[in-house]
Protein backbone atom coordinates (compact mmCIF):
# COMPACT_ATOMS: atom_id res chain seq x y z
CA MET A 1 56.29 109.73 60.31
CA THR A 2 55.54 111.57 63.63
CA PRO A 3 53.55 109.68 66.32
CA ASN A 4 50.04 110.70 66.95
CA ILE A 5 49.94 111.69 70.49
CA VAL A 6 46.39 111.31 71.25
CA ILE A 7 46.29 107.78 69.67
CA THR A 8 49.37 106.98 71.74
CA TYR A 9 47.81 108.50 74.81
CA HIS A 10 44.58 106.25 74.38
CA ARG A 11 46.54 102.96 73.69
CA LEU A 12 48.56 103.63 76.86
CA ASN A 13 45.56 104.04 78.78
CA GLN A 14 44.03 100.94 77.46
CA LYS A 15 47.28 98.85 78.33
CA ILE A 16 47.11 100.24 81.80
CA GLU A 17 43.42 99.36 82.15
CA ASN A 18 44.28 95.64 81.21
CA GLN A 19 47.05 95.50 83.62
CA PHE A 20 44.70 96.33 86.29
CA ASN A 21 42.61 93.47 85.68
CA SER A 22 44.52 91.09 87.77
CA ASN A 23 46.78 91.20 90.84
CA LEU A 24 49.60 89.93 88.67
CA GLY A 25 49.22 92.91 86.10
CA LEU A 26 49.17 95.25 89.23
CA ILE A 27 52.49 93.72 90.44
CA LYS A 28 53.96 93.99 86.75
CA LEU A 29 53.03 97.63 86.68
CA SER A 30 54.57 98.23 90.32
CA ILE A 31 57.83 96.57 89.12
CA MET A 32 57.73 98.40 85.80
CA LEU A 33 57.42 101.73 87.59
CA TYR A 34 60.05 100.68 90.15
CA ILE A 35 62.67 100.05 87.43
CA CYS A 36 61.85 103.01 85.42
CA PHE A 37 62.00 105.28 88.49
CA SER A 38 65.23 103.68 89.89
CA PHE A 39 67.01 104.14 86.40
CA LEU A 40 66.11 107.93 86.91
CA TYR A 41 66.82 108.33 90.40
CA PHE A 42 69.52 105.96 91.62
CA PRO A 43 69.93 105.32 95.43
CA GLU A 44 72.73 107.69 96.47
CA ILE A 45 74.16 105.62 99.24
CA ILE A 46 74.98 102.98 96.67
CA THR A 47 77.07 105.52 94.59
CA LYS A 48 78.95 106.51 98.00
CA ARG A 49 79.75 103.16 98.73
CA ALA A 50 80.96 102.28 95.34
CA ILE A 51 83.25 105.63 95.05
CA ASN A 52 83.82 105.77 98.87
CA SER A 53 82.69 109.51 99.01
CA TRP A 54 81.45 109.50 102.74
CA SER A 55 81.40 112.66 104.42
CA VAL A 56 82.16 113.30 108.07
CA GLN A 57 78.17 113.99 108.58
CA ASP A 58 77.56 110.67 106.92
CA HIS A 59 79.87 108.79 109.43
CA ASN A 60 78.41 110.52 112.38
CA ILE A 61 74.80 109.78 111.30
CA GLN A 62 75.86 106.05 110.68
CA SER A 63 77.33 105.88 114.18
CA PHE A 64 74.11 107.41 115.80
CA VAL A 65 71.81 104.92 114.05
CA ASN A 66 73.98 101.84 114.94
CA GLU A 67 74.04 102.97 118.37
CA LYS A 68 70.34 103.35 118.55
CA ILE A 69 69.89 100.06 116.73
CA LYS A 70 71.91 98.42 119.44
CA GLN A 71 70.23 100.09 122.29
CA PRO A 72 66.95 101.83 120.94
CA PHE A 73 65.89 102.95 124.34
CA LYS A 74 69.15 104.40 125.59
CA PRO A 75 69.44 107.99 125.10
CA ILE A 76 72.49 109.08 123.25
CA GLN A 77 74.16 111.90 124.80
CA ARG A 78 77.11 113.02 122.77
CA LEU A 79 77.80 116.72 122.36
CA GLU A 80 79.81 116.20 119.13
CA ILE A 81 76.82 114.55 117.28
CA GLY A 82 75.04 117.95 117.66
CA GLU A 83 71.37 118.70 118.70
CA HIS A 84 69.78 117.88 115.41
CA LEU A 85 70.06 114.11 115.91
CA SER A 86 68.74 114.42 119.38
CA LYS A 87 65.42 115.06 117.71
CA ARG A 88 65.54 111.44 116.59
CA GLU A 89 65.76 109.66 119.88
CA LEU A 90 62.27 108.87 119.83
CA ARG A 91 61.80 107.72 116.27
CA LEU A 92 62.12 104.25 117.21
CA SER A 93 60.52 102.24 114.36
CA PRO A 94 63.48 101.99 112.01
CA TYR A 95 65.79 101.24 115.05
CA LEU A 96 63.66 98.34 116.17
CA ILE A 97 63.18 97.16 112.71
CA GLY A 98 67.11 97.14 112.33
CA LYS A 99 67.47 95.08 115.62
CA VAL A 100 65.00 92.69 114.91
CA LEU A 101 66.19 91.84 111.35
CA HIS A 102 69.91 92.44 112.37
CA LEU A 103 70.37 95.33 109.92
CA GLU A 104 72.81 98.09 110.55
CA ALA A 105 72.19 101.77 109.12
CA VAL A 106 73.39 101.23 105.66
CA LYS A 107 71.41 98.00 105.21
CA LEU A 108 68.28 99.71 106.48
CA PHE A 109 68.55 102.13 103.50
CA TYR A 110 68.66 98.95 101.23
CA LEU A 111 65.59 97.85 102.81
CA GLN A 112 64.02 101.06 102.17
CA ALA A 113 65.42 101.70 98.46
CA ILE A 114 64.78 97.98 97.51
CA VAL A 115 61.81 96.75 99.33
CA PHE A 116 59.88 99.78 100.54
CA LEU A 117 59.96 101.70 97.51
CA PRO A 118 58.19 98.82 95.40
CA LEU A 119 55.66 98.42 98.07
CA PHE A 120 54.92 102.28 98.43
CA ILE A 121 54.25 102.02 94.44
CA PHE A 122 52.14 99.10 94.89
CA PHE A 123 50.03 100.61 97.74
CA CYS A 124 49.79 104.03 95.84
CA LEU A 125 48.28 102.34 92.61
CA LYS A 126 46.00 100.35 94.89
CA THR A 127 44.90 103.24 97.02
CA ILE A 128 44.21 105.87 94.23
CA HIS A 129 42.27 103.18 92.27
CA GLN A 130 40.32 102.34 95.38
CA LEU A 131 39.39 106.02 95.93
CA SER A 132 39.00 107.48 92.43
CA LYS A 133 37.64 103.97 90.92
CA ASP A 134 39.64 104.66 87.80
CA HIS A 135 42.73 102.70 86.85
CA VAL A 136 44.48 105.26 84.57
CA ILE A 137 44.23 107.99 87.27
CA ALA A 138 45.79 105.63 89.75
CA PHE A 139 48.73 105.09 87.19
CA TYR A 140 49.17 108.61 86.45
CA GLY A 141 48.52 109.76 90.09
CA THR A 142 51.28 107.34 91.25
CA ILE A 143 53.91 108.83 88.79
CA ALA A 144 52.99 112.31 89.85
CA LEU A 145 53.63 111.41 93.59
CA LEU A 146 56.99 109.60 92.90
CA ALA A 147 58.42 112.44 90.92
CA SER A 148 58.06 114.66 93.92
CA TYR A 149 60.28 114.25 97.22
CA VAL A 150 57.91 111.82 98.70
CA GLY A 151 59.15 109.25 95.94
CA ASN A 152 62.72 110.51 95.61
CA SER A 153 63.12 110.14 99.61
CA PHE A 154 63.53 106.57 99.21
CA ASN A 155 66.52 106.86 97.07
CA TYR A 156 67.96 110.14 98.42
CA ASP A 157 66.86 109.89 102.16
CA THR A 158 69.83 107.86 103.50
CA TYR A 159 69.48 107.78 107.10
CA PHE A 160 66.55 109.87 108.27
CA PHE A 161 64.04 107.15 107.29
CA ASP A 162 61.10 109.60 106.56
CA SER A 163 60.26 107.26 103.57
CA PHE A 164 59.44 104.65 106.38
CA ALA A 165 56.61 106.84 107.49
CA TYR A 166 55.49 107.75 103.99
CA LEU A 167 55.02 104.13 103.28
CA GLY A 168 53.07 103.79 106.65
CA LEU A 169 50.87 106.70 105.74
CA ILE A 170 49.95 105.32 102.38
CA ALA A 171 49.21 101.98 103.73
CA ALA A 172 47.09 103.66 106.80
CA VAL A 173 44.98 105.35 103.93
CA TYR A 174 44.72 101.83 102.14
CA TYR A 175 43.71 100.12 105.45
CA ARG A 176 41.67 102.91 106.73
CA ASN A 177 38.70 100.48 107.35
CA HIS A 178 40.67 97.73 108.76
CA TRP A 179 41.71 96.99 112.33
CA SER A 180 45.35 96.96 111.12
CA LEU A 181 45.33 100.79 110.94
CA ILE A 182 46.03 101.28 114.77
CA PRO A 183 49.47 99.34 114.49
CA ILE A 184 50.32 100.85 111.20
CA LEU A 185 49.82 104.35 112.58
CA LEU A 186 51.73 103.49 115.79
CA VAL A 187 54.71 102.26 113.69
CA THR A 188 54.45 105.34 111.32
CA TYR A 189 54.15 107.90 114.35
CA PHE A 190 57.27 106.55 115.75
CA VAL A 191 59.24 106.93 112.62
CA ASP A 192 58.51 110.62 112.88
CA GLU A 193 56.01 112.58 114.90
CA ARG A 194 55.45 114.76 111.88
CA SER A 195 53.09 112.10 110.55
CA VAL A 196 50.53 112.44 113.50
CA VAL A 197 48.66 115.55 111.80
CA PRO A 198 48.46 114.40 108.49
CA SER A 199 47.26 110.92 109.35
CA THR A 200 44.00 112.62 110.61
CA ALA A 201 43.13 113.20 106.90
CA ILE A 202 42.31 109.70 106.99
CA PHE A 203 39.19 110.54 108.82
CA ILE A 204 37.96 112.89 105.97
CA ILE A 205 38.73 110.29 103.49
CA SER A 206 36.76 107.52 105.15
CA ASN A 207 33.82 109.90 105.63
CA LEU A 208 33.28 110.24 102.02
CA ASN A 209 30.47 107.83 100.96
CA GLU A 210 29.67 106.73 97.55
CA SER A 211 27.71 109.86 96.64
CA ASN A 212 30.78 111.85 97.58
CA GLN A 213 28.64 113.92 100.12
CA LEU A 214 29.74 114.26 103.73
CA PRO A 215 27.06 113.26 106.57
CA ARG A 216 25.31 116.06 107.83
CA GLY A 217 26.38 117.14 111.32
CA PHE A 218 29.87 116.79 112.84
CA ILE A 219 28.98 114.93 115.88
CA ASN A 220 27.16 112.31 113.80
CA ALA A 221 30.13 112.00 111.37
CA ILE A 222 32.42 111.19 114.41
CA LEU A 223 30.18 108.72 116.20
CA ARG A 224 29.39 106.76 113.18
CA ASN A 225 32.80 106.83 111.80
CA ARG A 226 34.87 103.78 113.23
CA THR A 227 38.19 105.38 111.61
CA PHE A 228 38.00 108.38 113.72
CA TRP A 229 38.06 106.38 117.03
CA GLN A 230 40.98 104.04 115.62
CA ILE A 231 42.94 107.21 114.76
CA ALA A 232 42.20 108.85 117.99
CA CYS A 233 43.04 105.49 119.80
CA ALA A 234 46.54 105.35 117.87
CA ILE A 235 47.40 108.83 118.88
CA LEU A 236 46.40 108.20 122.60
CA VAL A 237 48.50 105.11 122.45
CA TYR A 238 51.30 107.00 120.85
CA CYS A 239 51.34 109.67 123.60
CA THR A 240 51.11 107.31 126.41
CA ILE A 241 54.07 105.29 125.07
CA ARG A 242 56.15 108.43 124.57
CA LEU A 243 55.33 109.54 128.31
CA PHE A 244 56.20 106.11 129.49
CA LEU A 245 59.60 106.31 127.58
CA PHE A 246 60.37 109.79 128.90
CA LEU A 247 59.69 108.66 132.51
CA HIS A 248 61.53 105.66 132.31
CA PHE A 249 64.19 105.97 129.79
CA GLU A 250 64.48 109.80 129.57
CA LEU A 251 63.80 109.42 125.95
CA ASN A 252 62.30 113.11 124.78
CA THR A 253 62.28 115.34 121.72
CA PRO A 254 63.92 118.67 122.47
CA ILE A 255 62.02 121.91 121.42
CA GLY A 256 63.72 125.27 120.98
CA GLN A 257 66.35 127.20 119.03
CA GLY A 258 69.26 124.89 120.59
CA SER A 259 67.60 121.76 119.11
CA GLY A 260 66.90 123.29 115.65
CA ILE A 261 62.86 123.44 116.25
CA ARG A 262 61.40 126.68 116.39
CA LEU A 263 58.74 128.82 114.52
CA PHE A 264 59.91 129.80 111.04
CA THR A 265 63.55 128.71 111.32
CA ALA A 266 63.46 127.68 107.75
CA LEU A 267 62.67 131.36 106.61
CA ARG A 268 66.09 132.45 107.12
CA PHE A 269 67.01 130.62 103.69
CA LYS A 270 64.76 133.30 102.09
CA PHE A 271 64.19 132.59 98.44
CA LYS A 272 65.22 128.97 98.70
CA VAL A 273 62.26 128.13 100.68
CA PRO A 274 59.63 128.26 98.06
CA GLY A 275 61.53 125.85 96.01
CA ALA A 276 62.09 123.37 98.80
CA LEU A 277 58.31 123.58 99.58
CA PHE A 278 57.26 122.98 96.20
CA SER A 279 59.40 120.13 95.71
CA ALA A 280 57.77 118.36 98.60
CA ILE A 281 54.72 117.30 96.49
CA LYS A 282 55.37 119.61 93.46
CA LEU A 283 52.03 120.17 91.45
CA ASN A 284 50.09 117.55 93.74
CA LEU A 285 49.62 120.96 95.58
CA LEU A 286 46.97 121.62 93.30
CA LEU A 287 45.15 118.54 94.28
CA VAL A 288 45.39 119.36 97.75
CA TYR A 289 43.90 122.87 96.83
CA LEU A 290 41.15 121.32 94.88
CA ALA A 291 40.03 118.89 97.59
CA CYS A 292 39.84 121.68 100.09
CA VAL A 293 37.65 123.73 97.50
CA GLN A 294 35.60 120.64 97.26
CA LEU A 295 35.24 120.24 101.01
CA PHE A 296 33.83 123.85 101.17
CA LYS A 297 31.21 123.09 98.57
CA THR A 298 29.96 120.13 100.35
CA LYS A 299 28.71 122.87 102.97
CA ASN A 300 30.05 120.63 105.72
CA GLY A 301 32.35 123.92 107.06
CA ILE A 302 33.66 122.01 110.18
CA LEU A 303 35.23 119.28 108.14
CA ALA A 304 36.39 121.75 105.53
CA TYR A 305 38.05 124.11 108.03
CA ALA A 306 39.46 121.17 109.89
CA PHE A 307 41.21 120.42 106.45
CA SER A 308 42.48 123.67 106.48
CA ILE A 309 43.76 123.91 109.92
CA MET A 310 45.49 120.56 109.28
CA LEU A 311 47.39 122.06 106.02
CA SER A 312 48.26 125.23 108.02
CA ILE A 313 49.92 123.22 110.82
CA ILE A 314 51.97 121.12 108.38
CA LEU A 315 52.96 124.33 106.61
CA LEU A 316 53.97 125.76 109.88
CA VAL A 317 55.75 122.69 111.30
CA SER A 318 57.81 122.41 107.99
CA THR A 319 59.11 125.91 108.48
CA ALA A 320 59.98 125.49 112.10
CA VAL A 321 63.03 123.10 111.21
CA GLU A 322 65.63 123.38 108.43
CA ASP A 323 64.70 120.17 106.66
CA VAL A 324 61.69 121.85 105.06
CA THR A 325 61.03 119.66 101.96
CA ARG A 326 60.64 116.32 103.89
CA SER A 327 58.63 118.04 106.58
CA LEU A 328 55.89 119.24 104.07
CA ALA A 329 56.08 116.04 102.18
CA TYR A 330 54.02 114.63 105.10
CA ALA A 331 51.27 116.47 103.73
CA PHE A 332 50.71 114.07 100.81
CA PRO A 333 47.74 112.05 102.27
CA LEU A 334 45.74 115.23 102.02
CA LEU A 335 45.82 114.96 98.22
CA PHE A 336 44.05 111.62 98.30
CA ILE A 337 40.73 113.55 99.45
CA TYR A 338 40.75 114.70 95.92
CA TYR A 339 40.84 111.37 94.50
CA ALA A 340 38.01 110.15 96.66
CA PHE A 341 35.93 113.06 95.49
CA ILE A 342 36.35 112.41 91.60
CA SER A 343 35.00 108.65 91.99
CA GLN A 344 31.39 109.38 90.82
CA ASP A 345 32.11 112.06 88.43
CA ALA A 346 31.97 109.93 85.27
CA ASN A 347 31.13 112.91 82.96
CA GLU A 348 34.41 114.75 83.57
CA LEU A 349 36.52 111.26 83.75
CA LYS A 350 38.46 111.92 80.53
CA ASN A 351 39.45 115.47 81.51
CA LYS A 352 40.49 114.38 84.77
CA ARG A 353 42.84 111.55 83.62
CA LEU A 354 44.38 114.14 81.05
CA PHE A 355 44.70 116.49 83.88
CA ILE A 356 46.46 114.06 86.54
CA CYS A 357 48.58 112.83 83.43
CA LEU A 358 49.78 116.44 82.77
CA ILE A 359 50.71 116.75 86.44
CA ALA A 360 52.69 113.64 86.27
CA VAL A 361 54.56 114.65 83.22
CA ILE A 362 55.41 118.26 84.59
CA ASN A 363 56.38 116.83 87.80
CA LEU A 364 58.86 114.42 86.09
CA LEU A 365 60.22 117.37 83.96
CA LEU A 366 60.77 119.54 87.00
CA PRO A 367 63.84 119.17 89.26
CA THR A 368 63.45 117.94 92.79
CA TYR A 369 65.22 119.93 95.51
CA THR A 370 65.53 119.38 99.42
CA LEU A 371 66.51 121.91 101.85
CA LEU A 372 68.86 121.00 104.64
CA LEU A 373 71.46 123.78 105.44
CA LYS A 374 71.39 124.36 101.67
CA LEU A 375 69.34 123.73 98.63
CA TYR A 376 70.33 120.73 97.02
CA GLN A 377 68.87 119.33 93.83
CA ILE A 378 68.35 115.50 93.69
CA PRO A 379 70.37 114.44 90.78
CA LEU A 380 69.13 112.46 87.72
CA PHE A 381 71.14 109.32 86.56
CA GLY A 382 73.07 108.81 89.72
CA TRP A 383 74.54 105.75 88.47
CA ILE A 384 76.60 107.47 85.96
CA ASN A 385 78.88 108.53 88.58
CA LEU A 386 80.08 105.01 89.16
CA PHE A 387 81.68 105.30 85.38
CA LEU A 388 83.00 108.66 85.94
CA SER A 389 84.96 107.96 89.17
């Protein structure tokens, strides 16, 4: 007997809603998604350690990270490392975490894959539910994001620690109306400066009231919104600290052709770029587009154009470096604006559930790529390599 897909779908939705009725159920959902996702995408570094397949680049990056953990505020000036790593001198949060917890580079990755990934899943479930007011959409929306590079980075991104920033951004969206937003953003900014621009989307999210209408008048929206001032304060403090670190420790982020940062650098990869860009958040790009459309429909043009400029800057930055995928992945907070808009549209709830479910399924079926020097497909079932070696 063939299973009835419709009945199975509705039963699954009911079970999801039942789990959301308690914090314990939410933790169970988070652990279940973590185990299933880890079964599909195995932490690459564990395989490398087990079969001893370290590359020269792996050893160089490990050495760089370990030196930064020992002396976070000392600039490393070694020509053999190359200019690409010099961009990471000011990305201090992972190094300080490693120093405080006495973790070296490899163990920092274990923290990322074993602790931060389930935390990211938990925050994703909570945040989407908080915005959409729907348990089922939160579940499928989390899967849709996990199946993009944002989720894969926790297992694949061995030493760049972008996933630290992704976790910080999702936590910032969740705590957007809490005093802890400022320290969360500061820690996130010092993981990677590319998180600054997408973090400003939190202001738009916080401006959406219960009727999904933005307050008239941009000045009023700013003056009455505490989140705007918190984000502005975090950016100001971040810039001040960066200036202090430059003046007293000579820590800076090089810009220009020699450092691997210049406009449209990634476009030299030509036809590989679209695949890398798409892999960043995959079909969640549709949600970003729909959020933009909905913002224009509110007739609050300034915020709508601000959203468009925000997305354009993220796209521009992502093509200004070779690691295109992880750069565009920083755009994922923008899609939460879509979830904020659908919270009161009860008439279309069933259709939106199905829509997000389809995005999740398609994202799972499509391969995920990353572009750094070459287009690389993130492998499924990496743990099988432990038995083939």
